[in-house]
Amino acid sequence: MTTRTFLISAVLGLLFPPSVLAQAGSPDPDGPRPIDPFDSVWIEELTWMEVRDALGEGKTTALIVTGGIEQNGPYLATGKHSIILEATAEATARKLGNALVAPIVSFVPEGDLDPPSSHMLYPGTISVRQETFRALLSDIAMSLKIHGFTDIVLIGDSGGNQDGMEAVAQALSGEWEGSGARIHFIPEYYDNPRWVAWLEDRGVVEVDEGLHDDVRHSAIMMLVDPTTVRADQRREAGLFRINGVELDPMDETLALARALVDYQAEVTVEAIRRALGG
């Protein structure tokens, strides 16, 4: 057992005495992991032992990533931003090397509820109040801090998420001062002009059709799951394009998406490392 694992186990022991755990039928927090770990950066895909041991091995950075459920034109699934994070958040965590990713936060501000506004004018959108969003982020961050993560990073794939994440990071930074844990908001992840310029450098020039959809979002969603952009239905209807750009051949679009995900992760990792002090 490493020193870090011992300290984490000691904290858990203070929070949850053995007598309490025994009454609840819970396992020993210090118990050895009986099998090899699963290779994932997603906390929800890991067992509690795998998370504990990853922390002990130095994976003490946690990403809190926010997506959304909103209208995205006639072709894209409402979970667009969360689907994209399946690719970009994983790539970012793996490039960092010492990070795990909390479950994607899909319930975010999408417009007023009463009367409805913005995306809430469209069926399928789910919105939460700013205070709800900030309270949720704060509780997630506190949960991660309690279990030993020392650097908690907030990134968001949607514009409406940015102010709330920044406010939570500022508030908790003050509360956590001197605790050994830090929280960081990384706006560089959501740098749409940069991604547009990157695509244009590769000959992808779009003419906005006003559909709340574009090549970047469609391509990365296709990389995760082509059904989320309704690829087959659009081919049949002769509509497998966006903003004047053809999405077939699919292999070429997927190759573009892989390169874009890698570039976005690289930019985000550099920003995270600067925030962490190197």
Protein backbone atom coordinates (compact mmCIF):
# COMPACT_ATOMS: atom_id res chain seq x y z
CA MET A 1 0.00 0.00 0.00
CA THR A 2 1.41 3.39 -1.01
CA THR A 3 1.54 6.33 1.40
CA ARG A 4 -1.22 8.08 -0.56
CA THR A 5 -3.45 4.98 -0.46
CA PHE A 6 -2.85 4.67 3.28
CA LEU A 7 -3.85 8.30 3.85
CA ILE A 8 -6.99 7.93 1.72
CA SER A 9 -7.95 4.78 3.63
CA ALA A 10 -7.33 6.58 6.91
CA VAL A 11 -9.64 9.42 5.88
CA LEU A 12 -12.33 6.94 4.88
CA GLY A 13 -11.88 5.21 8.21
CA LEU A 14 -12.49 8.47 10.05
CA LEU A 15 -15.53 9.31 7.98
CA PHE A 16 -16.97 5.80 8.12
CA PRO A 17 -15.87 3.86 11.24
CA PRO A 18 -15.67 0.05 10.84
CA SER A 19 -18.66 -0.44 13.12
CA VAL A 20 -20.82 1.68 10.82
CA LEU A 21 -19.55 -0.10 7.74
CA ALA A 22 -20.16 -3.49 9.33
CA GLN A 23 -23.74 -2.57 10.19
CA ALA A 24 -24.31 -1.50 6.60
CA GLY A 25 -22.80 -4.69 5.26
CA SER A 26 -20.09 -2.66 3.51
CA PRO A 27 -16.64 -3.98 2.60
CA ASP A 28 -13.41 -3.01 4.34
CA PRO A 29 -12.09 0.24 2.80
CA ASP A 30 -8.56 -1.15 3.17
CA GLY A 31 -9.37 -4.49 1.52
CA PRO A 32 -7.15 -5.60 -1.37
CA ARG A 33 -8.54 -5.48 -4.88
CA PRO A 34 -9.13 -9.11 -5.91
CA ILE A 35 -8.76 -8.63 -9.69
CA ASP A 36 -6.75 -6.56 -12.16
CA PRO A 37 -8.09 -3.03 -12.80
CA PHE A 38 -10.25 -2.14 -15.77
CA ASP A 39 -8.68 0.31 -18.22
CA SER A 40 -10.99 3.34 -18.12
CA VAL A 41 -10.74 7.01 -17.17
CA TRP A 42 -14.47 7.21 -16.36
CA ILE A 43 -15.25 7.02 -12.66
CA GLU A 44 -18.69 5.53 -13.33
CA GLU A 45 -17.07 2.63 -15.21
CA LEU A 46 -14.66 1.82 -12.37
CA THR A 47 -15.22 -0.01 -9.11
CA TRP A 48 -14.67 1.88 -5.89
CA MET A 49 -11.49 -0.15 -5.36
CA GLU A 50 -10.20 0.83 -8.79
CA VAL A 51 -10.84 4.50 -8.02
CA ARG A 52 -9.18 4.18 -4.61
CA ASP A 53 -6.11 2.52 -6.08
CA ALA A 54 -5.91 4.99 -8.98
CA LEU A 55 -5.83 7.80 -6.41
CA GLY A 56 -3.10 5.97 -4.55
CA GLU A 57 -1.09 5.73 -7.75
CA GLY A 58 -1.29 9.49 -8.30
CA LYS A 59 -4.39 10.00 -10.41
CA THR A 60 -5.53 12.89 -8.25
CA THR A 61 -6.95 15.16 -10.96
CA ALA A 62 -10.68 14.86 -11.62
CA LEU A 63 -12.51 16.35 -14.59
CA ILE A 64 -16.09 17.56 -14.12
CA VAL A 65 -17.47 17.93 -17.64
CA THR A 66 -20.78 19.53 -18.55
CA GLY A 67 -22.83 18.89 -21.69
CA GLY A 68 -26.55 19.37 -22.14
CA ILE A 69 -29.89 18.14 -23.48
CA GLU A 70 -31.16 20.63 -26.04
CA GLN A 71 -32.47 21.13 -29.57
CA ASN A 72 -29.74 20.81 -32.17
CA GLY A 73 -31.49 21.19 -35.47
CA PRO A 74 -33.36 18.48 -37.38
CA TYR A 75 -30.56 15.91 -37.54
CA LEU A 76 -28.62 15.78 -34.26
CA ALA A 77 -29.66 14.02 -31.06
CA THR A 78 -30.55 16.30 -28.15
CA GLY A 79 -27.56 14.99 -26.19
CA LYS A 80 -25.09 16.52 -28.67
CA HIS A 81 -22.79 18.20 -26.16
CA SER A 82 -22.72 15.22 -23.81
CA ILE A 83 -22.05 12.83 -26.70
CA ILE A 84 -19.12 14.96 -27.86
CA LEU A 85 -17.66 14.87 -24.35
CA GLU A 86 -17.51 11.09 -24.53
CA ALA A 87 -14.70 11.61 -27.04
CA THR A 88 -13.09 14.87 -25.94
CA ALA A 89 -13.13 14.29 -22.17
CA GLU A 90 -11.63 10.83 -22.52
CA ALA A 91 -8.91 12.12 -24.85
CA THR A 92 -8.14 14.96 -22.42
CA ALA A 93 -7.92 12.66 -19.39
CA ARG A 94 -5.67 10.19 -21.19
CA LYS A 95 -3.34 12.95 -22.41
CA LEU A 96 -3.10 14.31 -18.87
CA GLY A 97 -2.18 10.84 -17.64
CA ASN A 98 -3.11 11.47 -14.02
CA ALA A 99 -6.83 12.18 -14.37
CA LEU A 100 -10.22 10.51 -14.07
CA VAL A 101 -13.52 11.87 -15.37
CA ALA A 102 -16.69 12.23 -13.31
CA PRO A 103 -19.99 11.27 -14.97
CA ILE A 104 -21.00 13.82 -17.60
CA VAL A 105 -23.31 16.50 -16.23
CA SER A 106 -26.08 16.66 -18.82
CA PHE A 107 -28.59 18.69 -16.81
CA VAL A 108 -27.54 22.30 -17.38
CA PRO A 109 -29.20 25.71 -17.93
CA GLU A 110 -30.89 25.64 -21.34
CA GLY A 111 -33.33 28.51 -20.91
CA ASP A 112 -36.01 29.74 -18.53
CA LEU A 113 -38.64 27.27 -17.37
CA ASP A 114 -41.62 29.58 -16.80
CA PRO A 115 -42.19 31.08 -19.23
CA PRO A 116 -39.93 28.91 -21.39
CA SER A 117 -37.19 30.60 -23.39
CA SER A 118 -34.21 29.75 -25.60
CA HIS A 119 -33.86 25.98 -26.13
CA MET A 120 -36.80 25.36 -23.80
CA LEU A 121 -39.06 26.42 -26.67
CA TYR A 122 -38.27 23.05 -28.29
CA PRO A 123 -39.51 19.62 -27.12
CA GLY A 124 -36.86 17.31 -25.67
CA THR A 125 -34.82 20.08 -24.07
CA ILE A 126 -34.25 19.70 -20.31
CA SER A 127 -33.17 22.78 -18.37
CA VAL A 128 -32.23 23.50 -14.78
CA ARG A 129 -32.02 26.81 -12.96
CA GLN A 130 -28.60 28.42 -12.57
CA GLU A 131 -28.76 27.89 -8.81
CA THR A 132 -29.54 24.21 -9.33
CA PHE A 133 -26.65 23.83 -11.76
CA ARG A 134 -24.19 25.53 -9.45
CA ALA A 135 -25.34 23.54 -6.43
CA LEU A 136 -24.95 20.31 -8.42
CA LEU A 137 -21.43 21.20 -9.54
CA SER A 138 -20.47 22.20 -5.99
CA ASP A 139 -21.71 18.90 -4.55
CA ILE A 140 -19.92 16.87 -7.21
CA ALA A 141 -16.70 18.77 -6.57
CA MET A 142 -17.04 18.29 -2.81
CA SER A 143 -17.60 14.55 -3.29
CA LEU A 144 -14.40 14.29 -5.32
CA LYS A 145 -12.44 16.36 -2.81
CA ILE A 146 -13.60 14.20 0.11
CA HIS A 147 -12.25 11.09 -1.59
CA GLY A 148 -8.80 12.50 -2.19
CA PHE A 149 -8.78 14.30 -5.54
CA THR A 150 -6.55 17.34 -5.13
CA ASP A 151 -7.16 19.13 -8.46
CA ILE A 152 -10.70 19.33 -9.76
CA VAL A 153 -11.15 20.73 -13.26
CA LEU A 154 -14.34 22.14 -14.78
CA ILE A 155 -14.83 22.12 -18.55
CA GLY A 156 -18.02 22.58 -20.54
CA ASP A 157 -19.00 21.87 -24.13
CA SER A 158 -21.91 24.33 -24.21
CA GLY A 159 -21.91 28.12 -24.01
CA GLY A 160 -24.65 28.35 -21.38
CA ASN A 161 -22.54 26.34 -18.93
CA GLN A 162 -19.50 28.61 -18.81
CA ASP A 163 -20.63 31.30 -16.35
CA GLY A 164 -21.92 28.79 -13.81
CA MET A 165 -18.72 26.75 -13.89
CA GLU A 166 -16.57 29.84 -13.49
CA ALA A 167 -18.68 31.04 -10.55
CA VAL A 168 -18.44 27.66 -8.79
CA ALA A 169 -14.68 27.52 -9.30
CA GLN A 170 -14.27 31.01 -7.83
CA ALA A 171 -16.49 30.29 -4.84
CA LEU A 172 -14.93 26.95 -3.96
CA SER A 173 -11.39 28.24 -4.48
CA GLY A 174 -12.02 30.62 -1.60
CA GLU A 175 -13.64 28.00 0.61
CA TRP A 176 -10.90 25.44 -0.03
CA GLU A 177 -7.93 27.72 0.52
CA GLY A 178 -5.35 25.90 2.62
CA SER A 179 -7.15 22.55 2.38
CA GLY A 180 -4.74 20.95 -0.06
CA ALA A 181 -7.38 20.76 -2.80
CA ARG A 182 -7.91 23.17 -5.68
CA ILE A 183 -10.59 23.73 -8.31
CA HIS A 184 -10.03 25.18 -11.77
CA PHE A 185 -12.30 26.43 -14.55
CA ILE A 186 -10.78 25.92 -18.02
CA PRO A 187 -12.43 28.21 -20.60
CA GLU A 188 -9.92 27.20 -23.28
CA TYR A 189 -11.86 24.00 -23.92
CA TYR A 190 -14.79 26.05 -25.24
CA ASP A 191 -12.92 28.02 -27.91
CA ASN A 192 -15.17 27.70 -30.96
CA PRO A 193 -13.28 30.24 -33.12
CA ARG A 194 -10.11 28.16 -32.67
CA TRP A 195 -11.81 24.96 -33.83
CA VAL A 196 -13.40 26.75 -36.80
CA ALA A 197 -9.99 28.13 -37.82
CA TRP A 198 -8.46 24.66 -37.46
CA LEU A 199 -11.08 23.24 -39.82
CA GLU A 200 -10.68 26.06 -42.32
CA ASP A 201 -6.93 25.41 -42.41
CA ARG A 202 -7.87 21.93 -43.63
CA GLY A 203 -10.19 23.20 -46.32
CA VAL A 204 -13.46 22.86 -44.41
CA VAL A 205 -15.24 26.17 -44.98
CA GLU A 206 -18.87 26.38 -43.87
CA VAL A 207 -21.82 28.60 -44.76
CA ASP A 208 -24.09 28.77 -41.72
CA GLU A 209 -27.55 27.37 -42.48
CA GLY A 210 -28.96 28.44 -39.12
CA LEU A 211 -29.61 24.88 -37.93
CA HIS A 212 -27.60 24.94 -34.67
CA ASP A 213 -25.35 22.32 -36.22
CA ASP A 214 -21.93 22.35 -37.85
CA VAL A 215 -19.16 20.11 -39.14
CA ARG A 216 -17.25 19.96 -35.85
CA HIS A 217 -20.21 18.79 -33.81
CA SER A 218 -21.50 16.40 -36.46
CA ALA A 219 -18.09 14.84 -37.12
CA ILE A 220 -17.28 14.16 -33.46
CA MET A 221 -20.78 12.78 -32.84
CA MET A 222 -20.29 10.46 -35.83
CA LEU A 223 -17.05 9.28 -34.26
CA VAL A 224 -18.92 8.29 -31.09
CA ASP A 225 -22.05 6.92 -32.81
CA PRO A 226 -23.19 7.68 -36.40
CA THR A 227 -26.82 7.08 -35.44
CA THR A 228 -26.75 10.27 -33.32
CA VAL A 229 -26.49 12.34 -36.52
CA ARG A 230 -29.03 10.13 -38.36
CA ALA A 231 -26.46 9.19 -41.02
CA ASP A 232 -28.51 6.48 -42.74
CA GLN A 233 -31.75 8.51 -42.85
CA ARG A 234 -29.95 11.57 -44.21
CA ARG A 235 -28.23 9.57 -46.94
CA GLU A 236 -31.58 8.17 -48.00
CA ALA A 237 -33.05 11.68 -48.10
CA GLY A 238 -29.99 13.13 -49.87
CA LEU A 239 -29.23 15.37 -46.87
CA PHE A 240 -25.96 14.00 -45.50
CA ARG A 241 -24.26 17.38 -45.40
CA ILE A 242 -24.19 20.44 -43.16
CA ASN A 243 -23.45 24.10 -43.90
CA GLY A 244 -22.56 23.20 -47.48
CA VAL A 245 -20.03 20.52 -46.45
CA GLU A 246 -20.58 16.87 -47.43
CA LEU A 247 -20.21 14.37 -44.58
CA ASP A 248 -19.46 11.48 -46.92
CA PRO A 249 -17.13 9.75 -47.44
CA MET A 250 -17.62 8.87 -43.77
CA ASP A 251 -14.06 7.53 -43.38
CA GLU A 252 -12.68 10.95 -44.25
CA THR A 253 -15.04 12.72 -41.84
CA LEU A 254 -14.13 10.30 -39.06
CA ALA A 255 -10.42 10.83 -39.69
CA LEU A 256 -11.03 14.58 -39.46
CA ALA A 257 -12.95 14.07 -36.20
CA ARG A 258 -10.13 12.02 -34.65
CA ALA A 259 -7.60 14.71 -35.50
CA LEU A 260 -9.92 17.44 -34.17
CA VAL A 261 -10.53 15.58 -30.89
CA ASP A 262 -6.78 15.12 -30.48
CA TYR A 263 -6.15 18.81 -31.14
CA GLN A 264 -8.90 19.97 -28.76
CA ALA A 265 -7.57 17.65 -26.06
CA GLU A 266 -4.03 18.95 -26.61
CA VAL A 267 -5.13 22.58 -26.22
CA THR A 268 -7.19 21.72 -23.13
CA VAL A 269 -4.39 19.75 -21.50
CA GLU A 270 -1.95 22.63 -22.01
CA ALA A 271 -4.45 24.98 -20.34
CA ILE A 272 -5.01 22.57 -17.45
CA ARG A 273 -1.29 22.18 -16.87
CA ARG A 274 -0.86 25.95 -16.81
CA ALA A 275 -3.68 26.22 -14.27
CA LEU A 276 -2.09 23.53 -12.14
CA GLY A 277 1.26 25.29 -12.23
CA GLY A 278 3.08 23.23 -14.82
